Amino acid sequence: MKKLAILLILFVSSTIMLQAQTPLVTEIESSADKVWEQIRKMDNIDELSSFVSKVQWKGPKGIGGERVCTSADGKGHFKEKITGFDDKTRTYSYQVIEGVPAKNMNNMIMIVDLGYKKSMIVWKSNYDFVENPNMTKDQFDNFITTAREEMIENIAKLSK
């Protein structure tokens, strides 16, 4: 029974690892407080991403809050729900609940203070890709990576 439990844990762990994107880790020449100030706004994605034209916010600015982001062309949207938020540790988590070819899409952003007015953004994403005729898994992975990189670049500019 013990061997079966260990095999099950290894199987689940390897399955999750296959579904997770590589964490995006970026050092920024700005204090952790200034970077967190930009990220914690949560309703300004349209200022950070060329893929989003409008953000509609509903609920608290923290756990339980939701945002609907309209695509740049106005033809699509995705909906996210904030699932974790902590000013003290400068982290927040959100789940994409609608509008992408994935399910169980969970994201976590953490700001690490490196001292000397430097910080690091760690952005983790994992999801199960859903087969569809409009986009392959590689295309979706590339889109997510490109969007995260652009947003971090813009956060760095706004944090100066």
Protein backbone atom coordinates (compact mmCIF):
# COMPACT_ATOMS: atom_id res chain seq x y z
CA MET A 1 0.00 0.00 0.00
CA LYS A 2 2.87 2.36 0.86
CA LYS A 3 4.50 1.78 -2.56
CA LEU A 4 1.19 2.50 -4.30
CA ALA A 5 0.84 5.80 -2.44
CA ILE A 6 4.39 6.82 -3.37
CA LEU A 7 3.80 5.90 -7.03
CA LEU A 8 0.55 7.89 -7.03
CA ILE A 9 2.31 10.93 -5.54
CA LEU A 10 5.09 10.66 -8.15
CA PHE A 11 2.53 10.34 -10.96
CA VAL A 12 0.52 13.36 -9.78
CA SER A 13 3.69 15.42 -9.24
CA SER A 14 5.04 14.62 -12.69
CA THR A 15 1.66 15.35 -14.28
CA ILE A 16 1.47 18.74 -12.60
CA MET A 17 5.05 19.53 -13.61
CA LEU A 18 4.24 18.79 -17.24
CA GLN A 19 1.34 21.25 -17.11
CA ALA A 20 3.23 24.09 -15.44
CA GLN A 21 5.03 26.73 -17.40
CA THR A 22 8.56 27.57 -16.32
CA PRO A 23 8.34 30.31 -13.71
CA LEU A 24 9.25 33.70 -15.11
CA VAL A 25 11.89 35.23 -12.83
CA THR A 26 12.96 38.80 -13.57
CA GLU A 27 15.25 41.13 -11.65
CA ILE A 28 14.19 44.79 -11.66
CA GLU A 29 16.19 47.93 -10.86
CA SER A 30 13.56 49.24 -8.45
CA SER A 31 12.61 48.65 -4.84
CA ALA A 32 10.23 45.83 -3.99
CA ASP A 33 7.81 48.38 -2.51
CA LYS A 34 7.63 50.35 -5.78
CA VAL A 35 7.15 47.20 -7.85
CA TRP A 36 4.48 45.89 -5.47
CA GLU A 37 2.72 49.26 -5.63
CA GLN A 38 2.18 48.71 -9.36
CA ILE A 39 1.27 45.02 -9.18
CA ARG A 40 -1.15 45.33 -6.26
CA LYS A 41 -3.40 47.72 -8.23
CA MET A 42 -4.82 44.64 -10.00
CA ASP A 43 -7.18 46.67 -12.21
CA ASN A 44 -4.58 48.26 -14.50
CA ILE A 45 -3.72 45.36 -16.80
CA ASP A 46 -4.83 47.46 -19.77
CA GLU A 47 -1.92 49.81 -18.91
CA LEU A 48 0.53 46.90 -18.72
CA SER A 49 -0.46 44.72 -21.67
CA SER A 50 -1.06 45.47 -25.34
CA PHE A 51 -3.29 42.37 -25.39
CA VAL A 52 -5.89 44.04 -23.12
CA SER A 53 -7.97 47.10 -24.04
CA LYS A 54 -10.23 47.33 -20.98
CA VAL A 55 -10.51 45.96 -17.45
CA GLN A 56 -13.74 45.74 -15.48
CA TRP A 57 -13.32 45.15 -11.75
CA LYS A 58 -15.88 43.60 -9.42
CA GLY A 59 -15.62 43.07 -5.66
CA PRO A 60 -12.81 43.72 -3.19
CA LYS A 61 -9.25 44.58 -4.21
CA GLY A 62 -7.96 41.32 -2.85
CA ILE A 63 -9.23 37.79 -2.30
CA GLY A 64 -12.59 37.33 -3.98
CA GLY A 65 -12.15 40.23 -6.40
CA GLU A 66 -12.75 39.51 -10.08
CA ARG A 67 -11.66 41.19 -13.27
CA VAL A 68 -12.82 40.81 -16.82
CA CYS A 69 -10.18 41.77 -19.36
CA THR A 70 -11.30 42.61 -22.91
CA SER A 71 -8.89 41.73 -25.72
CA ALA A 72 -7.20 44.47 -27.72
CA ASP A 73 -9.41 43.80 -30.75
CA GLY A 74 -12.55 43.90 -28.56
CA LYS A 75 -13.69 40.47 -29.78
CA GLY A 76 -12.76 38.36 -26.78
CA HIS A 77 -12.32 38.46 -23.04
CA PHE A 78 -11.05 36.46 -20.13
CA LYS A 79 -12.22 36.46 -16.54
CA GLU A 80 -9.96 36.11 -13.51
CA LYS A 81 -10.62 35.67 -9.80
CA ILE A 82 -8.17 36.71 -7.08
CA THR A 83 -7.54 33.67 -4.88
CA GLY A 84 -4.73 34.93 -2.66
CA PHE A 85 -3.39 38.33 -1.65
CA ASP A 86 -0.82 39.37 0.96
CA ASP A 87 0.75 42.84 1.22
CA LYS A 88 3.23 41.62 3.83
CA THR A 89 4.77 38.93 1.59
CA ARG A 90 4.02 40.88 -1.60
CA THR A 91 2.23 37.97 -3.24
CA TYR A 92 -1.03 37.41 -4.97
CA SER A 93 -2.62 34.55 -6.79
CA TYR A 94 -5.38 34.47 -9.35
CA GLN A 95 -7.25 31.90 -11.34
CA VAL A 96 -8.40 32.36 -14.93
CA ILE A 97 -11.96 31.06 -14.87
CA GLU A 98 -13.20 31.89 -18.35
CA GLY A 99 -12.07 32.83 -21.85
CA VAL A 100 -8.86 30.87 -22.48
CA PRO A 101 -8.22 27.42 -23.97
CA ALA A 102 -7.18 26.07 -20.56
CA LYS A 103 -8.74 24.84 -17.36
CA ASN A 104 -7.41 24.94 -13.82
CA MET A 105 -5.26 27.94 -14.79
CA ASN A 106 -3.66 29.26 -11.62
CA ASN A 107 -1.09 32.02 -11.39
CA MET A 108 1.00 33.41 -8.55
CA ILE A 109 3.05 36.61 -8.53
CA MET A 110 5.60 37.27 -5.81
CA ILE A 111 7.93 40.23 -5.35
CA VAL A 112 11.25 39.49 -3.64
CA ASP A 113 13.24 42.34 -2.06
CA LEU A 114 16.89 42.05 -3.17
CA GLY A 115 17.99 45.20 -1.34
CA TYR A 116 19.84 48.17 -2.81
CA LYS A 117 16.69 49.28 -4.67
CA LYS A 118 16.49 46.01 -6.58
CA SER A 119 13.76 43.40 -6.59
CA MET A 120 12.72 40.26 -8.36
CA ILE A 121 9.34 39.29 -9.79
CA VAL A 122 8.55 35.58 -9.72
CA TRP A 123 5.49 34.69 -11.80
CA LYS A 124 4.30 31.10 -11.83
CA SER A 125 1.52 29.72 -14.03
CA ASN A 126 0.09 26.25 -14.40
CA TYR A 127 -2.88 24.95 -16.32
CA ASP A 128 -4.35 22.12 -18.31
CA PHE A 129 -4.50 23.07 -21.99
CA VAL A 130 -7.81 22.35 -23.69
CA GLU A 131 -7.55 21.17 -27.29
CA ASN A 132 -9.29 23.55 -29.70
CA PRO A 133 -9.20 24.39 -33.42
CA ASN A 134 -7.96 27.98 -32.93
CA MET A 135 -4.71 27.50 -31.03
CA THR A 136 -2.16 24.78 -30.31
CA LYS A 137 -0.66 24.25 -26.85
CA ASP A 138 2.68 25.65 -28.07
CA GLN A 139 0.94 28.77 -29.40
CA PHE A 140 -0.89 29.24 -26.09
CA ASP A 141 2.30 28.72 -24.05
CA ASN A 142 4.09 31.26 -26.26
CA PHE A 143 1.22 33.76 -25.90
CA ILE A 144 1.24 33.44 -22.09
CA THR A 145 5.03 33.86 -21.93
CA THR A 146 4.99 36.88 -24.25
CA ALA A 147 2.16 38.52 -22.29
CA ARG A 148 3.92 38.00 -18.94
CA GLU A 149 7.23 39.34 -20.29
CA GLU A 150 5.54 42.47 -21.69
CA MET A 151 3.69 43.13 -18.44
CA ILE A 152 6.87 42.77 -16.37
CA GLU A 153 8.71 45.14 -18.70
CA ASN A 154 5.93 47.73 -18.26
CA ILE A 155 5.80 47.20 -14.48
CA ALA A 156 9.54 47.88 -14.37
CA LYS A 157 9.09 51.15 -16.31
CA LEU A 158 6.25 52.31 -14.04
CA SER A 159 8.23 51.40 -10.89
CA LYS A 160 11.12 53.79 -11.56
